[in-house]
Amino acid sequence: MSLQAHLSSMTAASTQTAQHALFWQAERGRVRLRGAPVWITGLGLASSPMSLTSRNEFASFECSVQAVRQAYKMAKVNAGDIDVAEVHDSFTSAEVINYEDLGFCRKGEGGKFIADGQTYVGGKIPVNVDGGLLAKGHPVGATGASHIISIAKQLRNEGGSNPVPNARLGLAHNIGGIGMYSVCTILSAR
């Protein structure tokens, strides 16, 4: 039997496929759900040119700006309403840029935002309280699912050793390629 006969779409899942599989399972098992549900209230997806020379700015991911606008609009919230976030931090500089792009702070103030402790539990918006992608070894292909699970746990008061007290609204943010596409998901325990 050839190798092709053993291959299927599930042998190499993209991040979107992994997220859909998780949601499908939750829908399928709704009757057996234990604990408080977490709802998807907003979703945004956008892309940017593949060629870096086609981009207008290098200190921003335009796809993230567009995706988060869509997600905030669908959820009828803004950045100030978010209690906890998982932000794509494949590189330290990317995390700082993402704080600005997602509206957590003004452009050019991402470094100060971190230095002032605003991204820690007890700050303005706790971000990557599970350590983020860098602490997980940046599991390419599983980053979106990892963010969704981390936020859902926080919203269900299952945050483990680093809980965010009273978190009711969370944002999961993911970037793919070299900033070519972004997915933002707003999750709610309300």
N, C-alpha and C. Protein backbone atom coordinates (compact mmCIF):
# COMPACT_ATOMS: atom_id res chain seq x y z
N MET A 1 0.85 -1.18 0.00
CA MET A 1 0.00 0.00 0.00
C MET A 1 0.90 1.24 0.00
N SER A 2 0.54 2.25 -0.77
CA SER A 2 1.37 3.45 -0.88
C SER A 2 1.19 4.36 0.34
N LEU A 3 2.16 5.24 0.55
CA LEU A 3 2.09 6.21 1.64
C LEU A 3 0.87 7.10 1.48
N GLN A 4 0.57 7.48 0.26
CA GLN A 4 -0.55 8.37 0.01
C GLN A 4 -1.87 7.79 0.54
N ALA A 5 -2.01 6.50 0.51
CA ALA A 5 -3.23 5.87 1.01
C ALA A 5 -3.41 6.06 2.51
N HIS A 6 -2.31 6.29 3.24
CA HIS A 6 -2.37 6.46 4.69
C HIS A 6 -2.51 7.92 5.11
N LEU A 7 -2.30 8.83 4.18
CA LEU A 7 -2.35 10.24 4.53
C LEU A 7 -3.78 10.76 4.48
N SER A 8 -4.06 11.69 5.34
CA SER A 8 -5.36 12.35 5.35
C SER A 8 -5.15 13.80 5.77
N SER A 9 -6.22 14.56 5.76
CA SER A 9 -6.11 15.96 6.16
C SER A 9 -5.73 16.10 7.63
N MET A 10 -5.92 15.07 8.43
CA MET A 10 -5.60 15.15 9.85
C MET A 10 -4.14 14.83 10.16
N THR A 11 -3.33 14.46 9.16
CA THR A 11 -1.93 14.16 9.43
C THR A 11 -1.08 15.41 9.52
N ALA A 12 -1.56 16.52 9.03
CA ALA A 12 -0.84 17.78 9.10
C ALA A 12 -1.85 18.90 9.24
N ALA A 13 -2.21 19.22 10.46
CA ALA A 13 -3.24 20.22 10.71
C ALA A 13 -2.64 21.61 10.82
N SER A 14 -3.31 22.57 10.22
CA SER A 14 -2.91 23.97 10.40
C SER A 14 -3.45 24.44 11.74
N THR A 15 -3.05 25.63 12.17
CA THR A 15 -3.53 26.16 13.45
C THR A 15 -5.05 26.34 13.42
N GLN A 16 -5.60 26.76 12.28
CA GLN A 16 -7.04 26.93 12.21
C GLN A 16 -7.75 25.59 12.37
N THR A 17 -7.21 24.53 11.76
CA THR A 17 -7.80 23.20 11.88
C THR A 17 -7.80 22.74 13.33
N ALA A 18 -6.70 22.99 14.02
CA ALA A 18 -6.60 22.57 15.42
C ALA A 18 -7.64 23.30 16.26
N GLN A 19 -7.82 24.59 16.04
CA GLN A 19 -8.83 25.33 16.80
C GLN A 19 -10.22 24.81 16.48
N HIS A 20 -10.51 24.56 15.23
CA HIS A 20 -11.84 24.07 14.86
C HIS A 20 -12.10 22.70 15.48
N ALA A 21 -11.09 21.87 15.53
CA ALA A 21 -11.26 20.55 16.12
C ALA A 21 -11.63 20.67 17.60
N LEU A 22 -11.00 21.58 18.29
CA LEU A 22 -11.32 21.78 19.70
C LEU A 22 -12.75 22.25 19.88
N PHE A 23 -13.19 23.20 19.05
CA PHE A 23 -14.54 23.71 19.17
C PHE A 23 -15.57 22.67 18.76
N TRP A 24 -15.25 21.89 17.74
CA TRP A 24 -16.15 20.83 17.31
C TRP A 24 -16.35 19.84 18.45
N GLN A 25 -15.29 19.46 19.10
CA GLN A 25 -15.40 18.53 20.22
C GLN A 25 -16.25 19.12 21.33
N ALA A 26 -16.06 20.42 21.62
CA ALA A 26 -16.85 21.05 22.67
C ALA A 26 -18.33 21.04 22.29
N GLU A 27 -18.64 21.32 21.03
CA GLU A 27 -20.03 21.32 20.57
C GLU A 27 -20.61 19.91 20.65
N ARG A 28 -19.84 18.96 20.20
CA ARG A 28 -20.29 17.56 20.19
C ARG A 28 -20.52 17.04 21.61
N GLY A 29 -19.71 17.48 22.53
CA GLY A 29 -19.81 16.99 23.91
C GLY A 29 -20.56 17.92 24.84
N ARG A 30 -21.34 18.83 24.27
CA ARG A 30 -22.01 19.83 25.08
C ARG A 30 -22.82 19.23 26.23
N VAL A 31 -23.48 18.14 26.00
CA VAL A 31 -24.32 17.52 27.02
C VAL A 31 -23.48 17.08 28.21
N ARG A 32 -22.24 16.67 27.95
CA ARG A 32 -21.37 16.19 29.02
C ARG A 32 -20.48 17.27 29.63
N LEU A 33 -20.68 18.52 29.23
CA LEU A 33 -19.84 19.62 29.69
C LEU A 33 -19.85 19.72 31.21
N ARG A 34 -18.67 19.80 31.77
CA ARG A 34 -18.55 19.96 33.21
C ARG A 34 -17.94 21.32 33.49
N GLY A 35 -18.47 22.02 34.46
CA GLY A 35 -17.96 23.34 34.78
C GLY A 35 -18.62 24.41 33.94
N ALA A 36 -18.17 25.62 34.16
CA ALA A 36 -18.74 26.78 33.49
C ALA A 36 -18.32 26.81 32.02
N PRO A 37 -19.27 27.12 31.13
CA PRO A 37 -18.91 27.22 29.71
C PRO A 37 -18.13 28.50 29.42
N VAL A 38 -17.34 28.48 28.38
CA VAL A 38 -16.65 29.65 27.87
C VAL A 38 -17.13 29.84 26.44
N TRP A 39 -17.54 31.06 26.12
CA TRP A 39 -18.15 31.35 24.84
C TRP A 39 -17.21 32.13 23.94
N ILE A 40 -17.26 31.86 22.65
CA ILE A 40 -16.55 32.66 21.67
C ILE A 40 -17.50 33.80 21.30
N THR A 41 -17.12 35.03 21.64
CA THR A 41 -17.98 36.17 21.37
C THR A 41 -17.47 37.04 20.24
N GLY A 42 -16.20 36.87 19.88
CA GLY A 42 -15.65 37.66 18.78
C GLY A 42 -14.54 36.90 18.08
N LEU A 43 -14.44 37.10 16.78
CA LEU A 43 -13.42 36.43 15.99
C LEU A 43 -13.01 37.33 14.84
N GLY A 44 -11.71 37.44 14.62
CA GLY A 44 -11.21 38.23 13.50
C GLY A 44 -10.06 37.51 12.82
N LEU A 45 -9.99 37.63 11.51
CA LEU A 45 -8.93 37.01 10.73
C LEU A 45 -8.55 37.98 9.63
N ALA A 46 -7.24 38.23 9.49
CA ALA A 46 -6.78 39.13 8.44
C ALA A 46 -5.42 38.68 7.95
N SER A 47 -5.06 39.15 6.77
CA SER A 47 -3.76 38.80 6.20
C SER A 47 -3.04 40.05 5.71
N SER A 48 -1.73 39.92 5.55
CA SER A 48 -0.87 41.00 5.06
C SER A 48 -0.07 40.45 3.89
N PRO A 49 0.51 41.34 3.10
CA PRO A 49 1.34 40.86 1.99
C PRO A 49 2.49 39.98 2.47
N MET A 50 2.82 38.96 1.69
CA MET A 50 3.93 38.09 2.04
C MET A 50 5.26 38.84 1.95
N SER A 51 5.39 39.67 0.94
CA SER A 51 6.62 40.42 0.73
C SER A 51 6.76 41.54 1.76
N LEU A 52 7.84 41.52 2.51
CA LEU A 52 8.07 42.58 3.49
C LEU A 52 8.20 43.94 2.84
N THR A 53 8.69 43.98 1.62
CA THR A 53 8.84 45.27 0.93
C THR A 53 7.51 45.86 0.51
N SER A 54 6.44 45.07 0.57
CA SER A 54 5.10 45.56 0.23
C SER A 54 4.37 46.14 1.44
N ARG A 55 4.99 46.10 2.59
CA ARG A 55 4.33 46.56 3.81
C ARG A 55 4.65 48.03 4.08
N ASN A 56 3.71 48.70 4.70
CA ASN A 56 3.88 50.12 5.00
C ASN A 56 4.71 50.37 6.24
N GLU A 57 4.72 49.43 7.17
CA GLU A 57 5.40 49.64 8.45
C GLU A 57 6.02 48.33 8.92
N PHE A 58 7.17 48.46 9.59
CA PHE A 58 7.84 47.27 10.09
C PHE A 58 7.70 47.11 11.61
N ALA A 59 7.18 48.12 12.30
CA ALA A 59 6.99 48.04 13.74
C ALA A 59 5.51 47.81 14.06
N SER A 60 4.83 47.08 13.19
CA SER A 60 3.43 46.76 13.37
C SER A 60 3.09 45.58 12.47
N PHE A 61 2.12 44.81 12.92
CA PHE A 61 1.58 43.73 12.10
C PHE A 61 0.17 44.16 11.70
N GLU A 62 0.03 44.72 10.51
CA GLU A 62 -1.26 45.24 10.07
C GLU A 62 -2.35 44.18 10.13
N CYS A 63 -1.97 42.93 9.88
CA CYS A 63 -2.97 41.85 9.95
C CYS A 63 -3.53 41.72 11.36
N SER A 64 -2.71 41.95 12.39
CA SER A 64 -3.20 41.89 13.77
C SER A 64 -4.12 43.06 14.07
N VAL A 65 -3.77 44.24 13.60
CA VAL A 65 -4.61 45.42 13.81
C VAL A 65 -5.99 45.17 13.20
N GLN A 66 -6.03 44.66 11.98
CA GLN A 66 -7.31 44.39 11.32
C GLN A 66 -8.09 43.27 12.00
N ALA A 67 -7.39 42.19 12.36
CA ALA A 67 -8.07 41.05 12.99
C ALA A 67 -8.67 41.42 14.33
N VAL A 68 -7.93 42.17 15.14
CA VAL A 68 -8.45 42.52 16.46
C VAL A 68 -9.62 43.50 16.35
N ARG A 69 -9.59 44.39 15.37
CA ARG A 69 -10.73 45.29 15.16
C ARG A 69 -11.99 44.48 14.86
N GLN A 70 -11.85 43.47 14.00
CA GLN A 70 -12.99 42.61 13.68
C GLN A 70 -13.51 41.89 14.93
N ALA A 71 -12.59 41.35 15.72
CA ALA A 71 -12.98 40.60 16.92
C ALA A 71 -13.64 41.52 17.95
N TYR A 72 -13.06 42.70 18.20
CA TYR A 72 -13.66 43.64 19.14
C TYR A 72 -15.06 44.05 18.67
N LYS A 73 -15.20 44.32 17.38
CA LYS A 73 -16.50 44.73 16.84
C LYS A 73 -17.54 43.63 17.01
N MET A 74 -17.17 42.38 16.66
CA MET A 74 -18.11 41.28 16.79
C MET A 74 -18.52 41.06 18.25
N ALA A 75 -17.57 41.19 19.17
CA ALA A 75 -17.85 40.96 20.59
C ALA A 75 -18.46 42.19 21.27
N LYS A 76 -18.45 43.33 20.56
CA LYS A 76 -18.96 44.59 21.12
C LYS A 76 -18.19 45.00 22.38
N VAL A 77 -16.85 44.90 22.28
CA VAL A 77 -15.96 45.29 23.37
C VAL A 77 -14.79 46.08 22.79
N ASN A 78 -13.92 46.56 23.67
CA ASN A 78 -12.68 47.19 23.23
C ASN A 78 -11.54 46.67 24.09
N ALA A 79 -10.33 47.10 23.79
CA ALA A 79 -9.14 46.59 24.48
C ALA A 79 -9.24 46.78 25.99
N GLY A 80 -9.84 47.86 26.44
CA GLY A 80 -9.95 48.13 27.87
C GLY A 80 -10.87 47.16 28.61
N ASP A 81 -11.67 46.41 27.89
CA ASP A 81 -12.59 45.45 28.51
C ASP A 81 -11.93 44.09 28.77
N ILE A 82 -10.79 43.83 28.14
CA ILE A 82 -10.14 42.53 28.22
C ILE A 82 -9.49 42.35 29.59
N ASP A 83 -9.76 41.23 30.24
CA ASP A 83 -9.21 40.93 31.56
C ASP A 83 -7.90 40.16 31.51
N VAL A 84 -7.71 39.36 30.47
CA VAL A 84 -6.51 38.52 30.34
C VAL A 84 -6.29 38.23 28.85
N ALA A 85 -5.02 38.12 28.46
CA ALA A 85 -4.74 37.87 27.05
C ALA A 85 -3.58 36.90 26.88
N GLU A 86 -3.64 36.16 25.80
CA GLU A 86 -2.52 35.34 25.32
C GLU A 86 -2.13 35.95 23.99
N VAL A 87 -0.91 36.46 23.94
CA VAL A 87 -0.43 37.21 22.78
C VAL A 87 0.73 36.46 22.14
N HIS A 88 0.74 36.42 20.83
CA HIS A 88 1.79 35.73 20.09
C HIS A 88 3.14 36.37 20.41
N ASP A 89 4.01 35.61 21.05
CA ASP A 89 5.32 36.13 21.47
C ASP A 89 6.46 35.26 20.95
N SER A 90 6.43 34.98 19.65
CA SER A 90 7.48 34.15 19.06
C SER A 90 8.84 34.81 19.18
N PHE A 91 8.87 36.11 19.27
CA PHE A 91 10.08 36.90 19.50
C PHE A 91 9.72 37.97 20.52
N THR A 92 10.67 38.39 21.33
CA THR A 92 10.40 39.41 22.33
C THR A 92 9.88 40.69 21.68
N SER A 93 10.49 41.10 20.58
CA SER A 93 10.04 42.33 19.91
C SER A 93 8.61 42.20 19.41
N ALA A 94 8.23 41.02 18.95
CA ALA A 94 6.87 40.81 18.46
C ALA A 94 5.85 41.01 19.57
N GLU A 95 6.17 40.57 20.76
CA GLU A 95 5.24 40.73 21.88
C GLU A 95 4.99 42.21 22.16
N VAL A 96 6.05 43.00 22.18
CA VAL A 96 5.93 44.45 22.42
C VAL A 96 5.08 45.09 21.32
N ILE A 97 5.36 44.77 20.09
CA ILE A 97 4.59 45.30 18.95
C ILE A 97 3.13 44.90 19.08
N ASN A 98 2.88 43.66 19.48
CA ASN A 98 1.50 43.17 19.58
C ASN A 98 0.71 43.90 20.66
N TYR A 99 1.34 44.27 21.77
CA TYR A 99 0.62 45.04 22.80
C TYR A 99 0.07 46.33 22.19
N GLU A 100 0.88 46.96 21.35
CA GLU A 100 0.47 48.20 20.71
C GLU A 100 -0.60 47.94 19.66
N ASP A 101 -0.39 46.94 18.82
CA ASP A 101 -1.34 46.63 17.74
C ASP A 101 -2.71 46.21 18.27
N LEU A 102 -2.74 45.54 19.41
CA LEU A 102 -4.01 45.06 19.97
C LEU A 102 -4.72 46.14 20.79
N GLY A 103 -4.08 47.30 20.93
CA GLY A 103 -4.72 48.42 21.62
C GLY A 103 -4.53 48.43 23.13
N PHE A 104 -3.64 47.61 23.65
CA PHE A 104 -3.42 47.57 25.09
C PHE A 104 -2.68 48.82 25.57
N CYS A 105 -1.90 49.43 24.68
CA CYS A 105 -1.20 50.68 24.98
C CYS A 105 -1.02 51.43 23.67
N ARG A 106 -0.57 52.67 23.76
CA ARG A 106 -0.37 53.49 22.55
C ARG A 106 0.88 53.05 21.80
N LYS A 107 0.92 53.41 20.52
CA LYS A 107 2.09 53.14 19.68
C LYS A 107 3.33 53.77 20.33
N GLY A 108 4.41 53.00 20.36
CA GLY A 108 5.66 53.48 20.91
C GLY A 108 5.77 53.34 22.42
N GLU A 109 4.71 52.86 23.09
CA GLU A 109 4.71 52.76 24.55
C GLU A 109 4.74 51.31 25.06
N GLY A 110 4.93 50.35 24.14
CA GLY A 110 4.93 48.94 24.54
C GLY A 110 6.00 48.59 25.57
N GLY A 111 7.20 49.11 25.38
CA GLY A 111 8.29 48.85 26.33
C GLY A 111 7.98 49.38 27.71
N LYS A 112 7.48 50.60 27.78
CA LYS A 112 7.12 51.21 29.07
C LYS A 112 5.97 50.44 29.72
N PHE A 113 5.04 50.01 28.89
CA PHE A 113 3.88 49.23 29.36
C PHE A 113 4.36 48.00 30.14
N ILE A 114 5.37 47.33 29.58
CA ILE A 114 5.94 46.15 30.25
C ILE A 114 6.72 46.56 31.48
N ALA A 115 7.60 47.56 31.34
CA ALA A 115 8.44 48.02 32.45
C ALA A 115 7.61 48.47 33.65
N ASP A 116 6.43 49.02 33.39
CA ASP A 116 5.54 49.47 34.46
C ASP A 116 4.74 48.33 35.08
N GLY A 117 4.95 47.10 34.60
CA GLY A 117 4.26 45.94 35.17
C GLY A 117 2.81 45.78 34.74
N GLN A 118 2.41 46.46 33.67
CA GLN A 118 1.01 46.42 33.24
C GLN A 118 0.59 45.10 32.64
N THR A 119 1.56 44.23 32.27
CA THR A 119 1.22 42.94 31.67
C THR A 119 1.30 41.79 32.67
N TYR A 120 1.51 42.13 33.93
CA TYR A 120 1.58 41.11 34.98
C TYR A 120 0.23 40.97 35.67
N VAL A 121 0.02 39.87 36.37
CA VAL A 121 -1.19 39.71 37.17
C VAL A 121 -1.22 40.87 38.17
N GLY A 122 -2.32 41.58 38.20
CA GLY A 122 -2.44 42.78 39.03
C GLY A 122 -2.23 44.06 38.23
N GLY A 123 -1.70 43.94 37.00
CA GLY A 123 -1.51 45.10 36.12
C GLY A 123 -2.77 45.38 35.32
N LYS A 124 -2.65 46.29 34.37
CA LYS A 124 -3.79 46.70 33.53
C LYS A 124 -4.38 45.52 32.78
N ILE A 125 -3.53 44.70 32.17
CA ILE A 125 -4.00 43.51 31.44
C ILE A 125 -2.95 42.41 31.52
N PRO A 126 -3.18 41.42 32.35
CA PRO A 126 -2.24 40.30 32.43
C PRO A 126 -2.13 39.58 31.08
N VAL A 127 -0.90 39.40 30.62
CA VAL A 127 -0.66 38.79 29.31
C VAL A 127 0.29 37.60 29.46
N ASN A 128 -0.02 36.52 28.77
CA ASN A 128 0.83 35.32 28.75
C ASN A 128 1.22 34.86 30.15
N VAL A 129 0.23 34.80 31.02
CA VAL A 129 0.52 34.43 32.41
C VAL A 129 0.95 32.96 32.54
N ASP A 130 0.75 32.19 31.47
CA ASP A 130 1.22 30.80 31.48
C ASP A 130 2.65 30.69 30.96
N GLY A 131 3.29 31.83 30.68
CA GLY A 131 4.66 31.83 30.20
C GLY A 131 4.79 32.17 28.73
N GLY A 132 3.70 32.08 27.99
CA GLY A 132 3.73 32.41 26.57
C GLY A 132 4.37 31.33 25.72
N LEU A 133 4.42 31.62 24.44
CA LEU A 133 4.95 30.64 23.48
C LEU A 133 6.43 30.35 23.69
N LEU A 134 7.21 31.36 24.03
CA LEU A 134 8.64 31.13 24.22
C LEU A 134 8.89 30.14 25.35
N ALA A 135 8.09 30.21 26.41
CA ALA A 135 8.24 29.27 27.52
C ALA A 135 7.80 27.86 27.15
N LYS A 136 6.94 27.75 26.13
CA LYS A 136 6.44 26.45 25.68
C LYS A 136 7.27 25.89 24.53
N GLY A 137 8.30 26.60 24.12
CA GLY A 137 9.10 26.15 22.99
C GLY A 137 8.49 26.51 21.65
N HIS A 138 7.54 27.45 21.65
CA HIS A 138 6.84 27.91 20.45
C HIS A 138 6.38 26.73 19.59
N PRO A 139 5.34 26.04 20.04
CA PRO A 139 4.86 24.86 19.31
C PRO A 139 4.13 25.24 18.02
N VAL A 140 4.88 25.45 16.96
CA VAL A 140 4.29 25.86 15.68
C VAL A 140 3.19 24.88 15.28
N GLY A 141 2.07 25.40 14.87
CA GLY A 141 0.94 24.58 14.49
C GLY A 141 -0.02 24.35 15.64
N ALA A 142 0.44 24.54 16.87
CA ALA A 142 -0.42 24.36 18.04
C ALA A 142 -0.57 25.65 18.83
N THR A 143 0.00 26.74 18.34
CA THR A 143 -0.02 27.98 19.12
C THR A 143 -1.44 28.50 19.34
N GLY A 144 -2.28 28.47 18.32
CA GLY A 144 -3.65 28.95 18.47
C GLY A 144 -4.42 28.15 19.50
N ALA A 145 -4.30 26.84 19.43
CA ALA A 145 -4.99 25.98 20.39
C ALA A 145 -4.46 26.22 21.80
N SER A 146 -3.16 26.40 21.93
CA SER A 146 -2.54 26.67 23.23
C SER A 146 -3.10 27.94 23.84
N HIS A 147 -3.21 28.99 23.04
CA HIS A 147 -3.75 30.26 23.54
C HIS A 147 -5.21 30.12 23.97
N ILE A 148 -6.00 29.46 23.16
CA ILE A 148 -7.43 29.28 23.48
C ILE A 148 -7.59 28.51 24.79
N ILE A 149 -6.83 27.44 24.95
CA ILE A 149 -6.92 26.63 26.17
C ILE A 149 -6.51 27.44 27.39
N SER A 150 -5.42 28.20 27.28
CA SER A 150 -4.95 29.02 28.40
C SER A 150 -5.99 30.04 28.82
N ILE A 151 -6.59 30.71 27.85
CA ILE A 151 -7.61 31.72 28.17
C ILE A 151 -8.84 31.04 28.77
N ALA A 152 -9.29 29.96 28.19
CA ALA A 152 -10.46 29.25 28.72
C ALA A 152 -10.24 28.83 30.18
N LYS A 153 -9.06 28.34 30.48
CA LYS A 153 -8.75 27.96 31.87
C LYS A 153 -8.82 29.16 32.81
N GLN A 154 -8.27 30.29 32.37
CA GLN A 154 -8.33 31.49 33.21
C GLN A 154 -9.78 31.92 33.44
N LEU A 155 -10.60 31.88 32.41
CA LEU A 155 -11.99 32.31 32.53
C LEU A 155 -12.82 31.35 33.37
N ARG A 156 -12.35 30.12 33.49
CA ARG A 156 -13.05 29.13 34.31
C ARG A 156 -12.45 29.03 35.71
N ASN A 157 -11.59 29.95 36.06
CA ASN A 157 -10.90 29.96 37.36
C ASN A 157 -10.08 28.71 37.57
N GLU A 158 -9.45 28.24 36.48
CA GLU A 158 -8.57 27.08 36.53
C GLU A 158 -7.17 27.47 36.09
N GLY A 159 -6.75 28.69 36.46
CA GLY A 159 -5.49 29.26 36.00
C GLY A 159 -4.23 28.66 36.59
N GLY A 160 -4.37 27.66 37.43
CA GLY A 160 -3.18 27.00 37.97
C GLY A 160 -2.38 27.88 38.90
N SER A 161 -1.06 27.88 38.71
CA SER A 161 -0.17 28.59 39.64
C SER A 161 -0.15 30.10 39.41
N ASN A 162 -0.77 30.58 38.36
CA ASN A 162 -0.75 32.02 38.08
C ASN A 162 -2.14 32.50 37.64
N PRO A 163 -3.14 32.39 38.53
CA PRO A 163 -4.50 32.76 38.13
C PRO A 163 -4.69 34.27 38.03
N VAL A 164 -5.58 34.68 37.15
CA VAL A 164 -5.98 36.07 37.03
C VAL A 164 -7.35 36.17 37.72
N PRO A 165 -7.39 36.79 38.90
CA PRO A 165 -8.65 36.85 39.65
C PRO A 165 -9.76 37.56 38.88
N ASN A 166 -10.94 36.99 38.93
CA ASN A 166 -12.15 37.57 38.35
C ASN A 166 -12.08 37.82 36.84
N ALA A 167 -11.27 37.07 36.13
CA ALA A 167 -11.20 37.22 34.67
C ALA A 167 -12.49 36.70 34.06
N ARG A 168 -13.14 37.54 33.26
CA ARG A 168 -14.40 37.16 32.62
C ARG A 168 -14.34 37.28 31.11
N LEU A 169 -13.33 38.04 30.59
CA LEU A 169 -13.22 38.27 29.16
C LEU A 169 -11.75 38.16 28.76
N GLY A 170 -11.47 37.32 27.77
CA GLY A 170 -10.08 37.10 27.37
C GLY A 170 -9.89 37.20 25.87
N LEU A 171 -8.65 37.46 25.48
CA LEU A 171 -8.28 37.58 24.07
C LEU A 171 -7.16 36.60 23.77
N ALA A 172 -7.34 35.81 22.73
CA ALA A 172 -6.29 34.93 22.22
C ALA A 172 -5.86 35.47 20.86
N HIS A 173 -4.55 35.71 20.70
CA HIS A 173 -4.01 36.34 19.48
C HIS A 173 -2.94 35.44 18.89
N ASN A 174 -3.00 35.22 17.60
CA ASN A 174 -2.02 34.37 16.94
C ASN A 174 -1.59 35.00 15.62
N ILE A 175 -0.33 34.81 15.28
CA ILE A 175 0.23 35.29 14.02
C ILE A 175 0.85 34.11 13.31
N GLY A 176 0.74 34.08 12.00
CA GLY A 176 1.37 33.03 11.21
C GLY A 176 2.31 33.60 10.18
N GLY A 177 3.25 32.76 9.77
CA GLY A 177 4.22 33.18 8.76
C GLY A 177 5.09 34.30 9.30
N ILE A 178 5.50 35.19 8.45
CA ILE A 178 6.29 36.34 8.87
C ILE A 178 5.35 37.54 9.02
N GLY A 179 4.36 37.36 9.88
CA GLY A 179 3.34 38.38 10.06
C GLY A 179 2.40 38.47 8.89
N MET A 180 2.16 37.32 8.25
CA MET A 180 1.30 37.30 7.07
C MET A 180 -0.18 37.17 7.40
N TYR A 181 -0.50 36.53 8.49
CA TYR A 181 -1.91 36.44 8.86
C TYR A 181 -2.03 36.45 10.38
N SER A 182 -3.19 36.86 10.84
CA SER A 182 -3.44 36.94 12.28
C SER A 182 -4.88 36.50 12.56
N VAL A 183 -5.03 35.83 13.68
CA VAL A 183 -6.35 35.42 14.17
C VAL A 183 -6.49 35.95 15.60
N CYS A 184 -7.59 36.62 15.87
CA CYS A 184 -7.89 37.09 17.22
C CYS A 184 -9.24 36.53 17.63
N THR A 185 -9.28 35.96 18.82
CA THR A 185 -10.50 35.35 19.34
C THR A 185 -10.80 35.95 20.69
N ILE A 186 -12.02 36.42 20.87
CA ILE A 186 -12.48 36.94 22.16
C ILE A 186 -13.31 35.84 22.81
N LEU A 187 -12.95 35.49 24.02
CA LEU A 187 -13.65 34.45 24.78
C LEU A 187 -14.27 35.08 26.01
N SER A 188 -15.45 34.60 26.38
CA SER A 188 -16.17 35.18 27.50
C SER A 188 -16.74 34.11 28.42
N ALA A 189 -16.69 34.40 29.71
CA ALA A 189 -17.32 33.52 30.70
C ALA A 189 -18.65 34.12 31.14
N ARG A 190 -19.06 35.19 30.50
CA ARG A 190 -20.31 35.89 30.88
C ARG A 190 -21.50 35.24 30.27
